[in-house]
Amino acid sequence: MSAGDSRLLKVYGKLLDAYGPQGWWPSESPFETMLGAVLTQHTAWRNAERALAALRARGPLTPERIASADEGELATVVRPAGSFSRKARTLKALVDAVGRSSPGLDRVLSLERAPLRTLLLGVNGVGPETADAIMLYAAAVPAFVVDAYTRRFAARHRIVTGGTYMEIQSTFEAALPADAGLFAEYHALLVRLGKERCRPRPRCSGCPLEHDLPAQHRAPEGSHHKRRV
């Protein structure tokens, strides 16, 4: 194992010690996880949760129900997630691609990583981050999710600077055991870190990774008193 590998594992240990298990992804079924991965695009998770709650209020969340729903009505229901017309189209396209029945969905989620990722990326409105979130949290396929929080952490801590999605993902996956549970927890911990500490204007003082950060990238003392939310 290289020094870089060891460092990423140490970061994981520090975050887990500081924050504890995050219990992600919060959903009642793999299919609900898939819906949530689409609904949370470009919005806060709380808005996606509101949209999911509105969907649940109208009946069980199943592929059959989404497939039979009128797209316009579906858009109205998921309005709290924003970009509701586009997301309704994506949800319908996703169900068309993975199967309009629960048995069909189960077969798709049992695919190996490469064919499953190819299928998901073929859905209009599903990009690498959404596809990997579905694979990791719905299908338990070890695919490291690279979101804005991960990019910010990786750049500031000089894990990967200016890398593409695939370059950042490959760096994490090469450094860590290929374990879906570990990947899921690591991603959730980086989201927690990004929300509480590694913000656009960082709050480095007191961060569990403060001493892992190169000195030139640390926020000056007291800078956390003026921060963006």
Protein backbone atom coordinates (compact mmCIF):
# COMPACT_ATOMS: atom_id res chain seq x y z
CA MET A 1 0.00 0.00 0.00
CA SER A 2 1.36 3.40 -0.96
CA ALA A 3 1.63 6.45 1.28
CA GLY A 4 -1.35 7.96 -0.55
CA ASP A 5 -3.41 4.85 0.15
CA SER A 6 -2.54 4.98 3.83
CA ARG A 7 -3.44 8.65 4.06
CA LEU A 8 -6.95 8.18 2.66
CA LEU A 9 -7.60 5.34 5.08
CA LYS A 10 -6.39 7.52 7.96
CA VAL A 11 -8.70 10.31 6.83
CA TYR A 12 -11.59 7.86 6.88
CA GLY A 13 -10.69 6.76 10.39
CA LYS A 14 -10.51 10.35 11.65
CA LEU A 15 -13.86 11.26 10.16
CA LEU A 16 -15.52 8.13 11.51
CA ASP A 17 -14.10 8.80 14.98
CA ALA A 18 -15.28 12.42 14.85
CA TYR A 19 -18.75 11.95 13.38
CA GLY A 20 -19.67 8.30 13.81
CA PRO A 21 -21.69 6.22 11.30
CA GLN A 22 -23.98 8.38 9.19
CA GLY A 23 -26.65 5.80 8.36
CA TRP A 24 -26.85 6.60 4.67
CA TRP A 25 -28.80 6.29 2.38
CA PRO A 26 -32.03 7.18 4.25
CA SER A 27 -34.71 5.27 2.31
CA GLU A 28 -37.19 2.45 2.69
CA SER A 29 -36.21 0.45 -0.41
CA PRO A 30 -33.62 0.31 -3.20
CA PHE A 31 -36.17 1.81 -5.58
CA GLU A 32 -36.78 4.74 -3.25
CA THR A 33 -33.01 5.24 -3.16
CA MET A 34 -33.00 5.46 -6.95
CA LEU A 35 -35.77 8.05 -6.91
CA GLY A 36 -33.93 10.03 -4.26
CA ALA A 37 -30.71 10.01 -6.27
CA VAL A 38 -32.53 11.75 -9.12
CA LEU A 39 -34.57 14.12 -6.95
CA THR A 40 -31.54 15.38 -5.01
CA GLN A 41 -29.77 16.55 -8.18
CA HIS A 42 -28.80 20.24 -7.83
CA THR A 43 -30.77 20.67 -4.62
CA ALA A 44 -30.48 20.02 -0.90
CA TRP A 45 -31.47 16.59 0.39
CA ARG A 46 -34.27 18.11 2.50
CA ASN A 47 -36.01 19.18 -0.73
CA ALA A 48 -35.65 15.70 -2.19
CA GLU A 49 -37.12 14.29 1.03
CA ARG A 50 -40.13 16.57 0.69
CA ALA A 51 -40.68 15.32 -2.85
CA LEU A 52 -40.34 11.69 -1.74
CA ALA A 53 -42.79 12.28 1.08
CA ALA A 54 -45.28 13.71 -1.42
CA LEU A 55 -44.83 10.63 -3.62
CA ARG A 56 -45.31 8.28 -0.65
CA ALA A 57 -48.48 10.09 0.34
CA ARG A 58 -50.01 8.99 -2.96
CA GLY A 59 -49.22 5.30 -2.56
CA PRO A 60 -46.38 2.75 -2.49
CA LEU A 61 -43.18 3.71 -4.28
CA THR A 62 -42.86 1.00 -6.93
CA PRO A 63 -41.63 0.92 -10.53
CA GLU A 64 -45.14 -0.04 -11.63
CA ARG A 65 -46.61 3.09 -10.06
CA ILE A 66 -44.07 5.49 -11.54
CA ALA A 67 -44.40 3.82 -14.95
CA SER A 68 -48.18 4.29 -14.96
CA ALA A 69 -48.14 7.86 -13.61
CA ASP A 70 -48.92 10.77 -15.88
CA GLU A 71 -45.71 12.74 -16.39
CA GLY A 72 -47.38 16.08 -15.77
CA GLU A 73 -48.95 14.89 -12.52
CA LEU A 74 -45.64 13.37 -11.47
CA ALA A 75 -43.92 16.69 -12.07
CA THR A 76 -46.45 18.44 -9.85
CA VAL A 77 -45.84 15.97 -7.01
CA VAL A 78 -42.05 16.27 -7.11
CA ARG A 79 -42.12 20.09 -7.38
CA PRO A 80 -40.41 20.54 -3.95
CA ALA A 81 -37.20 19.07 -5.43
CA GLY A 82 -36.96 21.80 -8.07
CA SER A 83 -36.45 21.32 -11.81
CA PHE A 84 -39.58 19.22 -11.45
CA SER A 85 -40.48 18.79 -15.13
CA ARG A 86 -36.98 17.57 -15.99
CA LYS A 87 -36.82 15.29 -12.96
CA ALA A 88 -40.23 13.80 -13.73
CA ARG A 89 -38.98 12.95 -17.24
CA THR A 90 -35.83 11.42 -15.79
CA LEU A 91 -37.79 9.30 -13.33
CA LYS A 92 -39.99 7.98 -16.13
CA ALA A 93 -36.96 7.30 -18.33
CA LEU A 94 -35.18 5.56 -15.47
CA VAL A 95 -38.10 3.22 -14.89
CA ASP A 96 -38.30 2.51 -18.62
CA ALA A 97 -34.60 1.61 -18.63
CA VAL A 98 -34.38 -0.54 -15.51
CA GLY A 99 -37.76 -2.23 -15.70
CA ARG A 100 -41.38 -1.31 -15.15
CA SER A 101 -41.87 -4.11 -12.61
CA SER A 102 -40.23 -4.94 -9.30
CA PRO A 103 -38.82 -8.27 -10.56
CA GLY A 104 -37.31 -6.46 -13.53
CA LEU A 105 -35.73 -3.91 -11.22
CA ASP A 106 -34.26 -6.67 -9.06
CA ARG A 107 -32.65 -8.27 -12.10
CA VAL A 108 -31.10 -4.98 -13.18
CA LEU A 109 -29.73 -4.22 -9.71
CA SER A 110 -28.03 -7.63 -9.68
CA LEU A 111 -25.93 -6.76 -12.76
CA GLU A 112 -22.18 -6.38 -12.55
CA ARG A 113 -20.76 -2.88 -12.25
CA ALA A 114 -19.86 -2.21 -15.90
CA PRO A 115 -23.18 -3.20 -17.53
CA LEU A 116 -25.20 -1.58 -14.75
CA ARG A 117 -23.29 1.71 -15.07
CA THR A 118 -23.66 1.66 -18.86
CA LEU A 119 -27.40 1.11 -18.55
CA LEU A 120 -27.82 3.94 -16.02
CA LEU A 121 -25.70 6.41 -17.98
CA GLY A 122 -27.89 5.72 -20.99
CA VAL A 123 -30.84 7.32 -19.18
CA ASN A 124 -31.41 10.94 -20.16
CA GLY A 125 -30.81 13.03 -17.03
CA VAL A 126 -28.57 10.52 -15.25
CA GLY A 127 -24.90 11.48 -15.07
CA PRO A 128 -21.92 9.78 -13.40
CA GLU A 129 -22.69 11.02 -9.87
CA THR A 130 -26.33 9.91 -9.98
CA ALA A 131 -25.44 6.58 -11.61
CA ASP A 132 -22.79 5.83 -9.01
CA ALA A 133 -25.10 6.84 -6.15
CA ILE A 134 -27.70 4.39 -7.47
CA MET A 135 -25.11 1.65 -7.88
CA LEU A 136 -23.62 2.18 -4.43
CA TYR A 137 -26.69 2.79 -2.31
CA ALA A 138 -29.37 0.84 -4.20
CA ALA A 139 -27.37 -2.07 -5.64
CA ALA A 140 -24.49 -2.23 -3.10
CA VAL A 141 -21.96 -2.09 -5.96
CA PRO A 142 -18.66 -0.55 -4.79
CA ALA A 143 -18.53 2.64 -6.87
CA PHE A 144 -17.16 5.70 -5.09
CA VAL A 145 -19.49 8.69 -5.50
CA VAL A 146 -17.74 11.95 -6.43
CA ASP A 147 -19.82 14.99 -5.57
CA ALA A 148 -19.00 18.65 -4.90
CA TYR A 149 -18.01 17.88 -1.31
CA THR A 150 -15.60 15.16 -2.43
CA ARG A 151 -14.04 17.41 -5.07
CA ARG A 152 -13.53 20.22 -2.57
CA PHE A 153 -11.95 17.92 0.00
CA ALA A 154 -9.72 16.23 -2.61
CA ALA A 155 -8.45 19.57 -3.94
CA ARG A 156 -7.83 21.23 -0.58
CA HIS A 157 -6.06 18.19 0.84
CA ARG A 158 -4.09 17.64 -2.37
CA ILE A 159 -5.53 14.19 -2.94
CA VAL A 160 -6.36 15.12 -6.54
CA THR A 161 -6.12 18.66 -7.88
CA GLY A 162 -8.26 19.56 -10.88
CA GLY A 163 -9.00 15.96 -11.74
CA THR A 164 -11.91 14.70 -13.79
CA TYR A 165 -14.74 12.74 -12.21
CA MET A 166 -13.16 9.45 -13.22
CA GLU A 167 -9.67 10.49 -12.05
CA ILE A 168 -10.94 11.42 -8.60
CA GLN A 169 -13.03 8.26 -8.38
CA SER A 170 -10.10 6.09 -9.47
CA THR A 171 -7.85 7.70 -6.85
CA PHE A 172 -10.24 6.81 -4.03
CA GLU A 173 -11.02 3.35 -5.36
CA ALA A 174 -7.33 2.49 -5.79
CA ALA A 175 -6.64 3.56 -2.20
CA LEU A 176 -9.49 1.74 -0.48
CA PRO A 177 -10.75 -1.83 -0.20
CA ALA A 178 -13.50 -2.44 -2.76
CA ASP A 179 -16.25 -2.56 -0.16
CA ALA A 180 -19.65 -0.96 -0.79
CA GLY A 181 -20.27 -0.37 2.91
CA LEU A 182 -16.98 1.46 3.32
CA PHE A 183 -17.52 3.53 0.17
CA ALA A 184 -21.01 4.49 1.31
CA GLU A 185 -19.83 5.53 4.76
CA TYR A 186 -16.83 7.44 3.42
CA HIS A 187 -19.00 9.39 0.98
CA ALA A 188 -21.53 10.20 3.71
CA LEU A 189 -18.73 11.37 6.03
CA LEU A 190 -17.33 13.65 3.33
CA VAL A 191 -20.78 15.17 2.90
CA ARG A 192 -20.94 15.77 6.67
CA LEU A 193 -17.46 17.31 6.57
CA GLY A 194 -18.41 19.50 3.61
CA LYS A 195 -21.53 20.81 5.29
CA GLU A 196 -19.95 21.52 8.67
CA ARG A 197 -16.32 22.35 7.94
CA CYS A 198 -15.10 22.16 4.35
CA ARG A 199 -17.51 24.79 3.05
CA PRO A 200 -16.82 27.17 0.16
CA ARG A 201 -15.40 29.39 2.92
CA PRO A 202 -13.74 26.73 5.10
CA ARG A 203 -13.95 26.42 8.87
CA CYS A 204 -10.60 24.74 9.49
CA SER A 205 -10.07 25.52 13.17
CA GLY A 206 -11.30 22.50 15.13
CA CYS A 207 -11.87 20.36 12.02
CA PRO A 208 -11.01 16.67 12.57
CA LEU A 209 -8.75 16.94 9.48
CA GLU A 210 -7.16 20.28 10.38
CA HIS A 211 -3.68 18.82 10.81
CA ASP A 212 -3.95 16.79 7.61
CA LEU A 213 -4.44 19.95 5.56
CA PRO A 214 -1.42 21.61 3.88
CA ALA A 215 -0.69 24.83 5.78
CA GLN A 216 -1.17 27.06 2.74
CA HIS A 217 -4.72 25.80 2.31
CA ARG A 218 -5.88 26.37 5.88
CA ALA A 219 -8.35 29.15 6.54
CA PRO A 220 -6.92 31.92 8.75
CA GLU A 221 -7.89 31.80 12.40
CA GLY A 222 -11.27 33.43 12.96
CA SER A 223 -12.27 33.25 9.28
CA HIS A 224 -15.15 30.95 10.16
CA HIS A 225 -16.99 33.88 11.68
CA LYS A 226 -17.61 35.18 8.15
CA ARG A 227 -18.89 32.32 6.07
CA ARG A 228 -21.32 31.43 3.34
CA VAL A 229 -24.01 28.90 4.08
